[in-house]
Each structure stands twice: as structure tokens, then as C-alpha cells.
Amino acid sequence: MAGQGIHIGIKILGMQKGVAKIQAAKREARKTRPLFDKAIIVLEQTHAKTFRMQGRPKWEQSKRAADQGGMTLHDTGRLRGSVTGHSRHAIREVRGNKLLFGTNLIYAPSHQYGYNPRGIPKRAFLGIYPDDIARLSDILSQDLDKRITVVTTVGG
């Protein structure tokens, strides 16, 4: 019986179901909007903390704050509100897999980077710090784990 071999076939039961679950999990993982919605909340809280702490590192006190006994970059609240809330000046834009977060107030760059001609020192109010990154990473990871687990367990 030369030339004849043994043929073994393996049938994996449930393979199509498993592949479908993996594909559904991949589709779910690609949905950035739920992740970005959570990221926006964290970023707003992070920036509120920066304003409460008067900068990270601490900002040079403004003349107005010193004269009035107030807080730096808190005069009208417009700048703070544009990065910590939902004012009409807030930028919260999702473009594909990118999130744009910030403010469109015309004077914002003068405070963020400083403006020597007007004697405005740099007071960076936009930024992410290591503790913020860790918190954001944890929240996003938990969200993604939860959404993928739900997809892969549906249907047994």
C-alpha cells in the first residue's frame, strides 16, 4: 500500500463563533468616542485642579490677584471655564483617533506661553502631569476591558 497515507482531519467546534467574537471585540476596541468622552471628563478635572493649585508648577501671581486678593487667571472665569467646563470657548473635538482639547480664547496663548511685550509671564494652564496620565490610563483601560469583555461574553 505504498503511496497511501493517513489523513487526519480536525474539526474545531465553535471556531466561527470564536472568530466572530474576536472580530466584534476588535470593532468595539476601535470605537474611540466612549474612550474620548471619559478622557474629556478626566482632562476637565485635571485642569480644574491646575487652576485650584494656581499652576503646576505654581504660577507667578498676577498684579490683579495681588491687588484684589484674588487668584491668578480667575478674574472673569472665562479662561478657567473654557478648559474645565463646556463654555462656547471650549474645544472638545474628536477627529478620528485624536482628541483636541483646549480653548479658543484669543488671549489664552498669551497666558500659556507668556507675552513679553505686555509683561505677561508664562502661566501654563494646559498640560498633563504624570499622576493625570496614570489616572487617565487606568480609566481608559478599565473602560476598554469592560466593553470588550461584554462583547466576548455575549452569546456564551
Protein backbone atom coordinates (compact mmCIF):
# COMPACT_ATOMS: atom_id res chain seq x y z
CA MET A 1 0.00 0.00 0.00
CA ALA A 2 2.74 2.32 -0.92
CA GLY A 3 1.74 5.89 -1.60
CA GLN A 4 -1.24 5.84 0.66
CA GLY A 5 -1.02 7.96 3.76
CA ILE A 6 -3.10 8.54 6.75
CA HIS A 7 -5.28 11.62 6.58
CA ILE A 8 -6.32 13.20 9.82
CA GLY A 9 -8.93 15.92 9.93
CA ILE A 10 -9.53 18.17 12.88
CA LYS A 11 -12.76 19.97 13.32
CA ILE A 12 -12.78 22.75 15.89
CA LEU A 13 -16.28 23.21 17.16
CA GLY A 14 -17.34 26.78 17.73
CA MET A 15 -14.49 28.24 15.69
CA GLN A 16 -16.79 30.52 13.68
CA LYS A 17 -18.37 31.76 16.88
CA GLY A 18 -14.94 32.46 18.38
CA VAL A 19 -13.77 34.32 15.27
CA ALA A 20 -16.98 36.38 15.28
CA LYS A 21 -16.38 37.31 18.93
CA ILE A 22 -12.81 38.37 18.21
CA GLN A 23 -13.97 40.48 15.27
CA ALA A 24 -16.69 42.08 17.42
CA ALA A 25 -14.11 42.84 20.14
CA LYS A 26 -11.83 44.47 17.54
CA ARG A 27 -14.72 46.62 16.30
CA GLU A 28 -15.54 47.63 19.87
CA ALA A 29 -11.91 48.50 20.61
CA ARG A 30 -11.85 50.81 17.58
CA LYS A 31 -14.75 52.88 18.92
CA THR A 32 -12.93 55.93 20.22
CA ARG A 33 -15.92 58.06 21.20
CA PRO A 34 -16.67 56.26 24.51
CA LEU A 35 -13.00 56.49 25.46
CA PHE A 36 -12.72 60.15 24.45
CA ASP A 37 -15.89 61.04 26.38
CA LYS A 38 -14.26 59.65 29.53
CA ALA A 39 -10.94 61.33 28.67
CA ILE A 40 -12.68 64.71 28.38
CA ILE A 41 -14.08 64.36 31.90
CA VAL A 42 -10.64 63.47 33.28
CA LEU A 43 -8.98 66.34 31.39
CA GLU A 44 -11.55 68.83 32.68
CA GLN A 45 -10.95 67.63 36.25
CA THR A 46 -7.19 67.75 35.74
CA HIS A 47 -7.31 71.32 34.50
CA ALA A 48 -9.67 72.36 37.30
CA LYS A 49 -7.03 71.03 39.71
CA THR A 50 -4.36 73.10 37.93
CA PHE A 51 -6.43 76.27 38.39
CA ARG A 52 -7.19 75.43 42.06
CA MET A 53 -3.48 74.84 42.74
CA GLN A 54 -2.61 78.04 40.87
CA GLY A 55 -0.45 76.13 38.43
CA ARG A 56 1.70 73.03 38.37
CA PRO A 57 4.34 74.35 38.96
CA LYS A 58 2.85 77.34 40.77
CA TRP A 59 2.26 80.40 38.60
CA GLU A 60 3.71 83.80 39.27
CA GLN A 61 0.91 85.79 40.93
CA SER A 62 -0.72 88.37 38.68
CA LYS A 63 -0.81 92.04 39.64
CA ARG A 64 -4.63 91.95 39.64
CA ALA A 65 -4.70 88.96 42.00
CA ALA A 66 -2.20 90.64 44.33
CA ASP A 67 -4.10 93.96 44.33
CA GLN A 68 -7.54 92.39 44.81
CA GLY A 69 -6.56 89.42 46.95
CA GLY A 70 -7.89 87.07 44.30
CA MET A 71 -6.47 84.19 42.35
CA THR A 72 -4.31 84.38 39.24
CA LEU A 73 -6.12 83.59 35.96
CA HIS A 74 -9.50 83.75 37.77
CA ASP A 75 -10.63 87.34 37.07
CA THR A 76 -13.74 86.67 34.95
CA GLY A 77 -13.58 82.86 34.99
CA ARG A 78 -13.78 82.68 31.18
CA LEU A 79 -10.37 81.05 30.70
CA ARG A 80 -10.87 78.56 33.52
CA GLY A 81 -14.39 77.75 32.28
CA SER A 82 -13.19 77.19 28.75
CA VAL A 83 -10.85 74.38 29.81
CA THR A 84 -12.75 72.98 32.81
CA GLY A 85 -16.31 73.11 31.51
CA HIS A 86 -18.50 73.44 28.49
CA SER A 87 -18.34 77.11 27.59
CA ARG A 88 -18.67 78.16 23.97
CA HIS A 89 -14.89 78.68 24.00
CA ALA A 90 -14.10 75.09 24.97
CA ILE A 91 -12.50 72.89 22.33
CA ARG A 92 -13.64 69.28 22.63
CA GLU A 93 -13.21 67.75 19.18
CA VAL A 94 -12.78 64.15 18.11
CA ARG A 95 -11.01 63.72 14.78
CA GLY A 96 -10.64 60.05 14.02
CA ASN A 97 -8.35 58.66 16.68
CA LYS A 98 -7.36 62.09 18.03
CA LEU A 99 -8.92 64.25 20.71
CA LEU A 100 -8.44 68.01 20.55
CA PHE A 101 -8.83 69.58 23.98
CA GLY A 102 -8.32 73.21 24.86
CA THR A 103 -9.73 76.70 24.41
CA ASN A 104 -10.20 79.10 21.54
CA LEU A 105 -9.99 82.26 23.66
CA ILE A 106 -7.77 84.71 21.82
CA TYR A 107 -5.77 85.61 24.92
CA ALA A 108 -5.16 82.01 26.03
CA PRO A 109 -1.77 81.64 24.26
CA SER A 110 -0.51 84.81 25.97
CA HIS A 111 -1.01 83.15 29.36
CA GLN A 112 0.04 79.63 28.30
CA TYR A 113 3.35 80.75 26.77
CA GLY A 114 3.80 84.25 28.15
CA TYR A 115 3.79 87.50 26.19
CA ASN A 116 6.79 89.75 26.84
CA PRO A 117 5.51 92.91 25.10
CA ARG A 118 2.65 93.06 27.63
CA GLY A 119 4.68 91.77 30.58
CA ILE A 120 2.64 88.57 30.86
CA PRO A 121 4.74 85.74 32.29
CA LYS A 122 4.26 82.14 31.19
CA ARG A 123 1.47 80.51 33.20
CA ALA A 124 0.91 77.13 31.58
CA PHE A 125 -2.67 76.12 32.35
CA LEU A 126 -2.92 73.39 29.69
CA GLY A 127 -0.92 70.24 30.25
CA ILE A 128 -0.97 66.73 31.58
CA TYR A 129 1.10 65.58 34.52
CA PRO A 130 2.30 62.07 35.44
CA ASP A 131 -0.46 61.48 38.01
CA ASP A 132 -3.03 62.57 35.41
CA ILE A 133 -1.59 60.19 32.83
CA ALA A 134 -1.76 57.29 35.28
CA ARG A 135 -5.39 58.09 36.17
CA LEU A 136 -6.37 58.51 32.54
CA SER A 137 -4.64 55.27 31.59
CA ASP A 138 -6.45 53.35 34.37
CA ILE A 139 -9.86 54.74 33.45
CA LEU A 140 -9.44 54.10 29.73
CA SER A 141 -8.04 50.61 30.30
CA GLN A 142 -10.96 49.68 32.58
CA ASP A 143 -13.46 51.05 30.07
CA LEU A 144 -11.92 49.12 27.19
CA ASP A 145 -11.66 45.91 29.24
CA LYS A 146 -15.32 46.22 30.24
CA ARG A 147 -16.56 46.86 26.69
CA ILE A 148 -14.51 44.03 25.17
CA THR A 149 -15.50 41.58 27.93
CA VAL A 150 -19.18 42.36 27.31
CA VAL A 151 -18.74 41.74 23.56
CA THR A 152 -16.85 38.48 24.00
CA THR A 153 -19.26 37.03 26.58
CA VAL A 154 -22.47 37.79 24.70
CA GLY A 155 -23.84 34.59 23.26
CA GLY A 156 -21.87 32.26 25.50
